[in-house]
Amino acid sequence: MNVPTDDPDRPTGDFDRSVYDFHGPAYDFEGKVAFVTGAGRGQGRSHAVGYAEHGADVVLTGVSRGIETSQYPLATADDLAETARLVEETGREALPLRVDVREEAQVAAAVEEAIDEFGRIDVLANNAGIWNVTDLVEMDERRWDELVDSDLKGAWLCAKHVGKHFRAREGGGRIVSTASTAALVGARGSGHYAAAKHGLVGLTKSLALELAAYDVTVNCVAPTGVDTPMIDGILEEVGEAALASVSDLSGSMNVLDEQLVDPRDVTEAFLWLSSDAARYVTGAVLPVDAGMTAK
């Protein structure tokens, strides 16, 4: 490629100046539908409202039953209804559904209902998940199973059924999942969480390869500690001293700021990866970690 020049006597060959035209991030989801899991509060609520603010109708899912090993209260039906209200406040439509992402029949039914309601799904925001704190050598099997099924199996099931829709309609699509800094490093006291999130990275890269032929991009975002009810609940349960032992997740080892980041900071990454501005980004892990994993 030749270097552009204003010299009329210098040959420019086949240089195409248009490739340097920059129009900024294309956060235009008008006429599109986003399917957001774990939308009752926290990051999921932020993502749902973010998509709606940029024109998308939004399918909202929340867990349909409690998880016995949870160390904090899970989102409720009222929480999900509040997210729906906030979406509708933007002028977009919301479809709230109680779904346990660990159960394939519930996931398949939710995807079908979303397509029946809106005719399509364009973006899957795979956000549902849980976190708790226990050393691996002291952990019981149920705690391992409930977390890994919620954070990894659930992401696969949602990607499976939305991915089938993407392939069938041949209109492209976006899948963005919530990983964690624990997907990139170890996590003392949360090894099952680190294992699930490392697995999510492998799932993301594999789906990116399998769905590329259908113009579907698949990526994940790796946040540091985020200011959500999940973190607040863990703090109340185990205390600050215990949480400090898993500081890889708490946000205390960030480079830019020792505070927890805001959910909206993670939403910005979801919006970008879901937009046309990131149409050639797939199989990527995007840290939103205030520099934590740079060390």
C-alpha atoms as a PDB file:
ATOM      1  CA  MET A   1       0.000   0.000   0.000  1.00  0.00           C
ATOM      2  CA  ASN A   2       1.393   3.427  -0.932  1.00  0.00           C
ATOM      3  CA  VAL A   3       1.665   6.218   1.614  1.00  0.00           C
ATOM      4  CA  PRO A   4      -0.935   8.969   1.016  1.00  0.00           C
ATOM      5  CA  THR A   5       0.447  12.280  -0.153  1.00  0.00           C
ATOM      6  CA  ASP A   6      -0.790  15.715  -1.184  1.00  0.00           C
ATOM      7  CA  ASP A   7       1.946  15.913  -3.845  1.00  0.00           C
ATOM      8  CA  PRO A   8       0.071  15.720  -7.193  1.00  0.00           C
ATOM      9  CA  ASP A   9       3.223  14.445  -8.917  1.00  0.00           C
ATOM     10  CA  ARG A  10       3.702  11.541  -6.525  1.00  0.00           C
ATOM     11  CA  PRO A  11       1.942   8.341  -7.634  1.00  0.00           C
ATOM     12  CA  THR A  12      -0.615   6.993  -5.216  1.00  0.00           C
ATOM     13  CA  GLY A  13      -1.182   3.645  -6.898  1.00  0.00           C
ATOM     14  CA  ASP A  14      -4.288   1.890  -5.608  1.00  0.00           C
ATOM     15  CA  PHE A  15      -4.246   3.603  -2.211  1.00  0.00           C
ATOM     16  CA  ASP A  16      -7.798   3.838  -0.874  1.00  0.00           C
ATOM     17  CA  ARG A  17      -8.274   6.841   1.398  1.00  0.00           C
ATOM     18  CA  SER A  18     -11.695   5.599   2.463  1.00  0.00           C
ATOM     19  CA  VAL A  19     -10.158   2.934   4.686  1.00  0.00           C
ATOM     20  CA  TYR A  20      -9.082   5.772   6.966  1.00  0.00           C
ATOM     21  CA  ASP A  21     -12.520   7.332   7.229  1.00  0.00           C
ATOM     22  CA  PHE A  22     -13.498   7.155  10.883  1.00  0.00           C
ATOM     23  CA  HIS A  23     -17.065   7.507  12.001  1.00  0.00           C
ATOM     24  CA  GLY A  24     -16.745   6.450  15.631  1.00  0.00           C
ATOM     25  CA  PRO A  25     -18.380   3.488  17.403  1.00  0.00           C
ATOM     26  CA  ALA A  26     -21.581   2.369  15.686  1.00  0.00           C
ATOM     27  CA  TYR A  27     -23.768   1.783  18.712  1.00  0.00           C
ATOM     28  CA  ASP A  28     -26.943   1.609  16.692  1.00  0.00           C
ATOM     29  CA  PHE A  29     -29.160  -1.311  17.696  1.00  0.00           C
ATOM     30  CA  GLU A  30     -32.348   0.085  16.189  1.00  0.00           C
ATOM     31  CA  GLY A  31     -34.560  -2.779  15.016  1.00  0.00           C
ATOM     32  CA  LYS A  32     -32.426  -5.352  16.828  1.00  0.00           C
ATOM     33  CA  VAL A  33     -33.097  -7.621  19.791  1.00  0.00           C
ATOM     34  CA  ALA A  34     -30.690  -8.305  22.639  1.00  0.00           C
ATOM     35  CA  PHE A  35     -31.086 -11.418  24.812  1.00  0.00           C
ATOM     36  CA  VAL A  36     -29.538 -10.648  28.216  1.00  0.00           C
ATOM     37  CA  THR A  37     -29.141 -13.345  30.856  1.00  0.00           C
ATOM     38  CA  GLY A  38     -28.763 -12.564  34.543  1.00  0.00           C
ATOM     39  CA  ALA A  39     -30.595  -9.310  33.906  1.00  0.00           C
ATOM     40  CA  GLY A  40     -32.205  -8.870  37.332  1.00  0.00           C
ATOM     41  CA  ARG A  41     -29.625  -6.434  38.650  1.00  0.00           C
ATOM     42  CA  GLY A  42     -25.940  -5.504  38.571  1.00  0.00           C
ATOM     43  CA  GLN A  43     -24.062  -5.924  35.309  1.00  0.00           C
ATOM     44  CA  GLY A  44     -26.987  -7.637  33.582  1.00  0.00           C
ATOM     45  CA  ARG A  45     -29.341  -4.766  34.328  1.00  0.00           C
ATOM     46  CA  SER A  46     -26.748  -2.283  33.117  1.00  0.00           C
ATOM     47  CA  HIS A  47     -26.253  -4.189  29.862  1.00  0.00           C
ATOM     48  CA  ALA A  48     -29.996  -4.481  29.255  1.00  0.00           C
ATOM     49  CA  VAL A  49     -30.573  -0.759  29.732  1.00  0.00           C
ATOM     50  CA  GLY A  50     -27.509   0.038  27.627  1.00  0.00           C
ATOM     51  CA  TYR A  51     -28.790  -1.957  24.658  1.00  0.00           C
ATOM     52  CA  ALA A  52     -32.221  -0.355  25.042  1.00  0.00           C
ATOM     53  CA  GLU A  53     -30.760   3.156  25.180  1.00  0.00           C
ATOM     54  CA  HIS A  54     -29.184   2.454  21.797  1.00  0.00           C
ATOM     55  CA  GLY A  55     -32.390   1.193  20.197  1.00  0.00           C
ATOM     56  CA  ALA A  56     -32.718  -2.526  20.949  1.00  0.00           C
ATOM     57  CA  ASP A  57     -35.684  -4.392  22.327  1.00  0.00           C
ATOM     58  CA  VAL A  58     -34.483  -6.623  25.138  1.00  0.00           C
ATOM     59  CA  VAL A  59     -35.236 -10.128  26.381  1.00  0.00           C
ATOM     60  CA  LEU A  60     -34.431 -10.313  30.099  1.00  0.00           C
ATOM     61  CA  THR A  61     -33.817 -13.572  31.903  1.00  0.00           C
ATOM     62  CA  GLY A  62     -33.347 -14.284  35.597  1.00  0.00           C
ATOM     63  CA  VAL A  63     -32.951 -17.456  37.619  1.00  0.00           C
ATOM     64  CA  SER A  64     -36.191 -19.255  38.388  1.00  0.00           C
ATOM     65  CA  ARG A  65     -35.120 -20.816  41.674  1.00  0.00           C
ATOM     66  CA  GLY A  66     -32.550 -20.375  44.415  1.00  0.00           C
ATOM     67  CA  ILE A  67     -29.110 -21.903  44.510  1.00  0.00           C
ATOM     68  CA  GLU A  68     -28.512 -23.586  47.868  1.00  0.00           C
ATOM     69  CA  THR A  69     -24.796 -22.840  48.085  1.00  0.00           C
ATOM     70  CA  SER A  70     -25.145 -19.123  47.361  1.00  0.00           C
ATOM     71  CA  GLN A  71     -23.518 -16.887  49.981  1.00  0.00           C
ATOM     72  CA  TYR A  72     -25.712 -13.904  49.101  1.00  0.00           C
ATOM     73  CA  PRO A  73     -29.352 -13.313  48.109  1.00  0.00           C
ATOM     74  CA  LEU A  74     -29.950 -13.891  44.427  1.00  0.00           C
ATOM     75  CA  ALA A  75     -31.948 -11.560  42.201  1.00  0.00           C
ATOM     76  CA  THR A  76     -35.709 -11.825  42.580  1.00  0.00           C
ATOM     77  CA  ALA A  77     -38.715 -11.610  40.289  1.00  0.00           C
ATOM     78  CA  ASP A  78     -39.165  -8.039  41.513  1.00  0.00           C
ATOM     79  CA  ASP A  79     -35.593  -7.234  40.476  1.00  0.00           C
ATOM     80  CA  LEU A  80     -36.266  -8.568  36.991  1.00  0.00           C
ATOM     81  CA  ALA A  81     -39.494  -6.555  36.788  1.00  0.00           C
ATOM     82  CA  GLU A  82     -37.574  -3.416  37.733  1.00  0.00           C
ATOM     83  CA  THR A  83     -35.061  -4.031  34.933  1.00  0.00           C
ATOM     84  CA  ALA A  84     -37.977  -4.425  32.526  1.00  0.00           C
ATOM     85  CA  ARG A  85     -39.395  -1.116  33.732  1.00  0.00           C
ATOM     86  CA  LEU A  86     -36.064   0.629  33.156  1.00  0.00           C
ATOM     87  CA  VAL A  87     -35.833  -0.811  29.628  1.00  0.00           C
ATOM     88  CA  GLU A  88     -39.359   0.289  28.806  1.00  0.00           C
ATOM     89  CA  GLU A  89     -38.583   3.729  30.195  1.00  0.00           C
ATOM     90  CA  THR A  90     -36.202   4.161  27.241  1.00  0.00           C
ATOM     91  CA  GLY A  91     -39.091   3.562  24.833  1.00  0.00           C
ATOM     92  CA  ARG A  92     -38.039   0.015  23.922  1.00  0.00           C
ATOM     93  CA  GLU A  93     -39.880  -3.251  24.577  1.00  0.00           C
ATOM     94  CA  ALA A  94     -38.871  -5.692  27.302  1.00  0.00           C
ATOM     95  CA  LEU A  95     -39.675  -9.392  27.645  1.00  0.00           C
ATOM     96  CA  PRO A  96     -38.819 -10.623  31.169  1.00  0.00           C
ATOM     97  CA  LEU A  97     -38.527 -14.403  31.557  1.00  0.00           C
ATOM     98  CA  ARG A  98     -37.722 -16.520  34.591  1.00  0.00           C
ATOM     99  CA  VAL A  99     -35.082 -18.935  33.311  1.00  0.00           C
ATOM    100  CA  ASP A 100     -32.562 -21.199  35.020  1.00  0.00           C
ATOM    101  CA  VAL A 101     -29.721 -21.250  32.496  1.00  0.00           C
ATOM    102  CA  ARG A 102     -28.544 -24.597  33.891  1.00  0.00           C
ATOM    103  CA  GLU A 103     -31.678 -26.274  32.503  1.00  0.00           C
ATOM    104  CA  GLU A 104     -31.620 -26.820  28.736  1.00  0.00           C
ATOM    105  CA  ALA A 105     -35.385 -27.138  28.384  1.00  0.00           C
ATOM    106  CA  GLN A 106     -35.876 -23.727  30.028  1.00  0.00           C
ATOM    107  CA  VAL A 107     -33.206 -22.103  27.851  1.00  0.00           C
ATOM    108  CA  ALA A 108     -34.643 -23.585  24.650  1.00  0.00           C
ATOM    109  CA  ALA A 109     -38.155 -22.456  25.612  1.00  0.00           C
ATOM    110  CA  ALA A 110     -36.952 -18.924  26.402  1.00  0.00           C
ATOM    111  CA  VAL A 111     -35.166 -18.585  23.060  1.00  0.00           C
ATOM    112  CA  GLU A 112     -38.264 -19.838  21.262  1.00  0.00           C
ATOM    113  CA  GLU A 113     -40.509 -17.411  23.158  1.00  0.00           C
ATOM    114  CA  ALA A 114     -38.169 -14.516  22.362  1.00  0.00           C
ATOM    115  CA  ILE A 115     -38.268 -15.347  18.646  1.00  0.00           C
ATOM    116  CA  ASP A 116     -42.048 -15.714  18.751  1.00  0.00           C
ATOM    117  CA  GLU A 117     -42.325 -12.301  20.425  1.00  0.00           C
ATOM    118  CA  PHE A 118     -39.795 -10.303  18.409  1.00  0.00           C
ATOM    119  CA  GLY A 119     -39.127 -12.433  15.337  1.00  0.00           C
ATOM    120  CA  ARG A 120     -35.373 -12.488  15.879  1.00  0.00           C
ATOM    121  CA  ILE A 121     -32.416 -12.312  18.251  1.00  0.00           C
ATOM    122  CA  ASP A 122     -29.355 -10.315  17.217  1.00  0.00           C
ATOM    123  CA  VAL A 123     -27.220 -10.223  20.350  1.00  0.00           C
ATOM    124  CA  LEU A 124     -26.725 -12.718  23.154  1.00  0.00           C
ATOM    125  CA  ALA A 125     -25.284 -11.105  26.280  1.00  0.00           C
ATOM    126  CA  ASN A 126     -24.264 -14.156  28.300  1.00  0.00           C
ATOM    127  CA  ASN A 127     -24.094 -12.610  31.754  1.00  0.00           C
ATOM    128  CA  ALA A 128     -25.801 -15.035  34.168  1.00  0.00           C
ATOM    129  CA  GLY A 129     -23.507 -16.372  36.845  1.00  0.00           C
ATOM    130  CA  ILE A 130     -22.729 -16.656  40.537  1.00  0.00           C
ATOM    131  CA  TRP A 131     -19.670 -16.403  42.768  1.00  0.00           C
ATOM    132  CA  ASN A 132     -18.810 -17.675  46.218  1.00  0.00           C
ATOM    133  CA  VAL A 133     -15.716 -18.155  48.356  1.00  0.00           C
ATOM    134  CA  THR A 134     -14.353 -21.497  49.577  1.00  0.00           C
ATOM    135  CA  ASP A 135     -10.911 -23.101  49.334  1.00  0.00           C
ATOM    136  CA  LEU A 136     -10.864 -25.936  46.819  1.00  0.00           C
ATOM    137  CA  VAL A 137      -9.687 -28.540  49.338  1.00  0.00           C
ATOM    138  CA  GLU A 138     -12.595 -27.679  51.639  1.00  0.00           C
ATOM    139  CA  MET A 139     -15.280 -27.315  48.968  1.00  0.00           C
ATOM    140  CA  ASP A 140     -18.137 -29.783  48.741  1.00  0.00           C
ATOM    141  CA  GLU A 141     -19.251 -31.174  45.411  1.00  0.00           C
ATOM    142  CA  ARG A 142     -22.553 -29.332  45.368  1.00  0.00           C
ATOM    143  CA  ARG A 143     -20.880 -25.933  45.615  1.00  0.00           C
ATOM    144  CA  TRP A 144     -18.603 -26.827  42.693  1.00  0.00           C
ATOM    145  CA  ASP A 145     -21.474 -28.142  40.572  1.00  0.00           C
ATOM    146  CA  GLU A 146     -23.845 -25.248  41.179  1.00  0.00           C
ATOM    147  CA  LEU A 147     -21.258 -22.626  40.295  1.00  0.00           C
ATOM    148  CA  VAL A 148     -19.722 -24.367  37.280  1.00  0.00           C
ATOM    149  CA  ASP A 149     -23.163 -25.208  35.907  1.00  0.00           C
ATOM    150  CA  SER A 150     -24.335 -21.611  36.352  1.00  0.00           C
ATOM    151  CA  ASP A 151     -21.232 -19.883  35.001  1.00  0.00           C
ATOM    152  CA  LEU A 152     -20.050 -22.259  32.268  1.00  0.00           C
ATOM    153  CA  LYS A 153     -22.758 -24.763  31.349  1.00  0.00           C
ATOM    154  CA  GLY A 154     -25.370 -22.008  31.327  1.00  0.00           C
ATOM    155  CA  ALA A 155     -23.291 -19.899  28.954  1.00  0.00           C
ATOM    156  CA  TRP A 156     -22.898 -22.879  26.635  1.00  0.00           C
ATOM    157  CA  LEU A 157     -26.617 -23.708  26.647  1.00  0.00           C
ATOM    158  CA  CYS A 158     -27.594 -20.132  25.819  1.00  0.00           C
ATOM    159  CA  ALA A 159     -24.973 -19.923  23.081  1.00  0.00           C
ATOM    160  CA  LYS A 160     -26.117 -23.291  21.739  1.00  0.00           C
ATOM    161  CA  HIS A 161     -29.761 -22.305  21.302  1.00  0.00           C
ATOM    162  CA  VAL A 162     -29.233 -18.702  20.223  1.00  0.00           C
ATOM    163  CA  GLY A 163     -26.428 -19.940  17.968  1.00  0.00           C
ATOM    164  CA  LYS A 164     -28.845 -22.345  16.272  1.00  0.00           C
ATOM    165  CA  HIS A 165     -31.091 -19.369  15.541  1.00  0.00           C
ATOM    166  CA  PHE A 166     -28.146 -17.401  14.135  1.00  0.00           C
ATOM    167  CA  ARG A 167     -27.203 -20.266  11.823  1.00  0.00           C
ATOM    168  CA  ALA A 168     -30.761 -20.853  10.650  1.00  0.00           C
ATOM    169  CA  ARG A 169     -31.517 -17.235   9.761  1.00  0.00           C
ATOM    170  CA  GLU A 170     -28.094 -16.600   8.148  1.00  0.00           C
ATOM    171  CA  GLY A 171     -28.116 -12.966   9.226  1.00  0.00           C
ATOM    172  CA  GLY A 172     -25.079 -12.823  11.459  1.00  0.00           C
ATOM    173  CA  GLY A 173     -25.119 -12.217  15.185  1.00  0.00           C
ATOM    174  CA  ARG A 174     -23.115 -11.329  18.255  1.00  0.00           C
ATOM    175  CA  ILE A 175     -22.370 -13.338  21.384  1.00  0.00           C
ATOM    176  CA  VAL A 176     -20.661 -11.557  24.274  1.00  0.00           C
ATOM    177  CA  SER A 177     -20.092 -13.338  27.584  1.00  0.00           C
ATOM    178  CA  THR A 178     -19.067 -12.203  31.042  1.00  0.00           C
ATOM    179  CA  ALA A 179     -15.752 -13.763  31.943  1.00  0.00           C
ATOM    180  CA  SER A 180     -13.578 -12.283  34.711  1.00  0.00           C
ATOM    181  CA  THR A 181     -10.009 -11.470  35.568  1.00  0.00           C
ATOM    182  CA  ALA A 182     -10.259 -14.933  37.133  1.00  0.00           C
ATOM    183  CA  ALA A 183     -10.388 -16.235  33.557  1.00  0.00           C
ATOM    184  CA  LEU A 184      -6.809 -15.034  33.121  1.00  0.00           C
ATOM    185  CA  VAL A 185      -5.205 -15.692  36.514  1.00  0.00           C
ATOM    186  CA  GLY A 186      -5.707 -17.993  39.479  1.00  0.00           C
ATOM    187  CA  ALA A 187      -8.048 -17.064  42.310  1.00  0.00           C
ATOM    188  CA  ARG A 188      -7.262 -18.078  45.876  1.00  0.00           C
ATOM    189  CA  GLY A 189     -10.455 -19.139  47.582  1.00  0.00           C
ATOM    190  CA  SER A 190     -12.434 -19.193  44.334  1.00  0.00           C
ATOM    191  CA  GLY A 191     -10.787 -21.913  42.298  1.00  0.00           C
ATOM    192  CA  HIS A 192     -14.094 -23.259  41.021  1.00  0.00           C
ATOM    193  CA  TYR A 193     -14.933 -19.768  39.739  1.00  0.00           C
ATOM    194  CA  ALA A 194     -11.532 -19.463  38.058  1.00  0.00           C
ATOM    195  CA  ALA A 195     -11.972 -22.903  36.478  1.00  0.00           C
ATOM    196  CA  ALA A 196     -15.414 -21.986  35.115  1.00  0.00           C
ATOM    197  CA  LYS A 197     -14.222 -18.643  33.761  1.00  0.00           C
ATOM    198  CA  HIS A 198     -11.106 -20.161  32.184  1.00  0.00           C
ATOM    199  CA  GLY A 199     -13.504 -22.653  30.572  1.00  0.00           C
ATOM    200  CA  LEU A 200     -15.611 -19.767  29.308  1.00  0.00           C
ATOM    201  CA  VAL A 201     -12.599 -18.426  27.423  1.00  0.00           C
ATOM    202  CA  GLY A 202     -12.160 -21.801  25.730  1.00  0.00           C
ATOM    203  CA  LEU A 203     -15.870 -21.899  24.940  1.00  0.00           C
ATOM    204  CA  THR A 204     -15.664 -18.396  23.448  1.00  0.00           C
ATOM    205  CA  LYS A 205     -12.726 -19.201  21.183  1.00  0.00           C
ATOM    206  CA  SER A 206     -14.256 -22.491  20.027  1.00  0.00           C
ATOM    207  CA  LEU A 207     -17.630 -20.904  19.250  1.00  0.00           C
ATOM    208  CA  ALA A 208     -15.849 -18.128  17.372  1.00  0.00           C
ATOM    209  CA  LEU A 209     -14.323 -20.736  15.063  1.00  0.00           C
ATOM    210  CA  GLU A 210     -17.541 -22.719  14.615  1.00  0.00           C
ATOM    211  CA  LEU A 211     -19.794 -19.721  13.940  1.00  0.00           C
ATOM    212  CA  ALA A 212     -17.467 -17.575  11.831  1.00  0.00           C
ATOM    213  CA  ALA A 213     -18.911 -18.976   8.591  1.00  0.00           C
ATOM    214  CA  TYR A 214     -22.308 -17.603   9.643  1.00  0.00           C
ATOM    215  CA  ASP A 215     -20.976 -14.066  10.262  1.00  0.00           C
ATOM    216  CA  VAL A 216     -21.362 -14.496  14.019  1.00  0.00           C
ATOM    217  CA  THR A 217     -18.718 -13.005  16.307  1.00  0.00           C
ATOM    218  CA  VAL A 218     -18.115 -14.457  19.765  1.00  0.00           C
ATOM    219  CA  ASN A 219     -16.147 -12.636  22.454  1.00  0.00           C
ATOM    220  CA  CYS A 220     -15.967 -12.260  26.199  1.00  0.00           C
ATOM    221  CA  VAL A 221     -15.253  -9.439  28.624  1.00  0.00           C
ATOM    222  CA  ALA A 222     -13.027  -9.921  31.667  1.00  0.00           C
ATOM    223  CA  PRO A 223     -13.906  -7.390  34.374  1.00  0.00           C
ATOM    224  CA  THR A 224     -12.097  -6.797  37.621  1.00  0.00           C
ATOM    225  CA  GLY A 225     -14.281  -6.379  40.714  1.00  0.00           C
ATOM    226  CA  VAL A 226     -17.525  -4.616  39.823  1.00  0.00           C
ATOM    227  CA  ASP A 227     -19.754  -2.663  42.206  1.00  0.00           C
ATOM    228  CA  THR A 228     -22.777  -4.990  42.246  1.00  0.00           C
ATOM    229  CA  PRO A 229     -25.075  -6.640  44.814  1.00  0.00           C
ATOM    230  CA  MET A 230     -23.085  -9.870  44.351  1.00  0.00           C
ATOM    231  CA  ILE A 231     -19.892  -8.289  45.703  1.00  0.00           C
ATOM    232  CA  ASP A 232     -21.837  -6.546  48.479  1.00  0.00           C
ATOM    233  CA  GLY A 233     -23.443  -9.838  49.446  1.00  0.00           C
ATOM    234  CA  ILE A 234     -20.122 -11.672  49.619  1.00  0.00           C
ATOM    235  CA  LEU A 235     -18.643  -8.893  51.748  1.00  0.00           C
ATOM    236  CA  GLU A 236     -21.517  -9.199  54.208  1.00  0.00           C
ATOM    237  CA  GLU A 237     -21.165 -12.977  54.341  1.00  0.00           C
ATOM    238  CA  VAL A 238     -17.410 -13.515  54.601  1.00  0.00           C
ATOM    239  CA  GLY A 239     -16.165 -10.076  55.657  1.00  0.00           C
ATOM    240  CA  GLU A 240     -13.509  -7.815  54.230  1.00  0.00           C
ATOM    241  CA  ALA A 241     -10.594  -9.773  55.697  1.00  0.00           C
ATOM    242  CA  ALA A 242     -11.648 -12.992  53.982  1.00  0.00           C
ATOM    243  CA  LEU A 243     -12.337 -11.174  50.739  1.00  0.00           C
ATOM    244  CA  ALA A 244      -8.853  -9.663  50.829  1.00  0.00           C
ATOM    245  CA  SER A 245      -7.458 -13.192  50.491  1.00  0.00           C
ATOM    246  CA  VAL A 246      -9.030 -13.393  47.047  1.00  0.00           C
ATOM    247  CA  SER A 247      -7.978  -9.890  46.055  1.00  0.00           C
ATOM    248  CA  ASP A 248      -7.518 -11.054  42.478  1.00  0.00           C
ATOM    249  CA  LEU A 249     -11.286 -10.624  42.268  1.00  0.00           C
ATOM    250  CA  SER A 250     -11.987  -7.850  44.732  1.00  0.00           C
ATOM    251  CA  GLY A 251     -10.589  -4.943  42.751  1.00  0.00           C
ATOM    252  CA  SER A 252      -8.028  -4.028  45.449  1.00  0.00           C
ATOM    253  CA  MET A 253      -5.070  -4.841  43.167  1.00  0.00           C
ATOM    254  CA  ASN A 254      -6.176  -2.640  40.259  1.00  0.00           C
ATOM    255  CA  VAL A 255      -3.542  -0.374  38.718  1.00  0.00           C
ATOM    256  CA  LEU A 256      -5.725   2.600  37.748  1.00  0.00           C
ATOM    257  CA  ASP A 257      -8.028   2.642  40.754  1.00  0.00           C
ATOM    258  CA  GLU A 258      -8.331   0.553  43.890  1.00  0.00           C
ATOM    259  CA  GLN A 259     -12.101   0.886  43.862  1.00  0.00           C
ATOM    260  CA  LEU A 260     -14.601  -1.455  42.255  1.00  0.00           C
ATOM    261  CA  VAL A 261     -15.496  -0.399  38.709  1.00  0.00           C
ATOM    262  CA  ASP A 262     -19.012   0.632  37.763  1.00  0.00           C
ATOM    263  CA  PRO A 263     -21.239  -1.821  35.833  1.00  0.00           C
ATOM    264  CA  ARG A 264     -21.547   0.796  33.083  1.00  0.00           C
ATOM    265  CA  ASP A 265     -17.821   0.462  32.386  1.00  0.00           C
ATOM    266  CA  VAL A 266     -18.394  -3.198  31.541  1.00  0.00           C
ATOM    267  CA  THR A 267     -21.521  -2.358  29.547  1.00  0.00           C
ATOM    268  CA  GLU A 268     -19.457  -0.104  27.274  1.00  0.00           C
ATOM    269  CA  ALA A 269     -17.334  -3.129  26.332  1.00  0.00           C
ATOM    270  CA  PHE A 270     -20.456  -5.218  25.674  1.00  0.00           C
ATOM    271  CA  LEU A 271     -21.932  -2.507  23.449  1.00  0.00           C
ATOM    272  CA  TRP A 272     -18.728  -2.158  21.437  1.00  0.00           C
ATOM    273  CA  LEU A 273     -18.288  -5.901  20.925  1.00  0.00           C
ATOM    274  CA  SER A 274     -21.969  -6.170  19.920  1.00  0.00           C
ATOM    275  CA  SER A 275     -21.755  -3.335  17.406  1.00  0.00           C
ATOM    276  CA  ASP A 276     -20.616  -2.990  13.813  1.00  0.00           C
ATOM    277  CA  ALA A 277     -17.545  -1.161  15.110  1.00  0.00           C
ATOM    278  CA  ALA A 278     -16.193  -4.554  16.266  1.00  0.00           C
ATOM    279  CA  ARG A 279     -17.300  -6.585  13.253  1.00  0.00           C
ATOM    280  CA  TYR A 280     -13.815  -8.079  12.795  1.00  0.00           C
ATOM    281  CA  VAL A 281     -13.235  -8.856  16.461  1.00  0.00           C
ATOM    282  CA  THR A 282     -13.967 -12.474  17.389  1.00  0.00           C
ATOM    283  CA  GLY A 283     -12.526 -15.030  19.767  1.00  0.00           C
ATOM    284  CA  ALA A 284     -11.183 -12.209  21.940  1.00  0.00           C
ATOM    285  CA  VAL A 285     -10.995 -11.684  25.687  1.00  0.00           C
ATOM    286  CA  LEU A 286     -11.347  -7.972  26.471  1.00  0.00           C
ATOM    287  CA  PRO A 287     -10.148  -7.022  29.972  1.00  0.00           C
ATOM    288  CA  VAL A 288     -11.996  -4.218  31.727  1.00  0.00           C
ATOM    289  CA  ASP A 289      -9.787  -4.578  34.759  1.00  0.00           C
ATOM    290  CA  ALA A 290      -8.190  -1.191  35.543  1.00  0.00           C
ATOM    291  CA  GLY A 291      -4.850  -2.796  34.650  1.00  0.00           C
ATOM    292  CA  MET A 292      -5.053  -5.624  37.182  1.00  0.00           C
ATOM    293  CA  THR A 293      -3.854  -8.359  34.813  1.00  0.00           C
ATOM    294  CA  ALA A 294      -1.096  -6.158  33.354  1.00  0.00           C
ATOM    295  CA  LYS A 295       1.104  -6.903  36.348  1.00  0.00           C
END
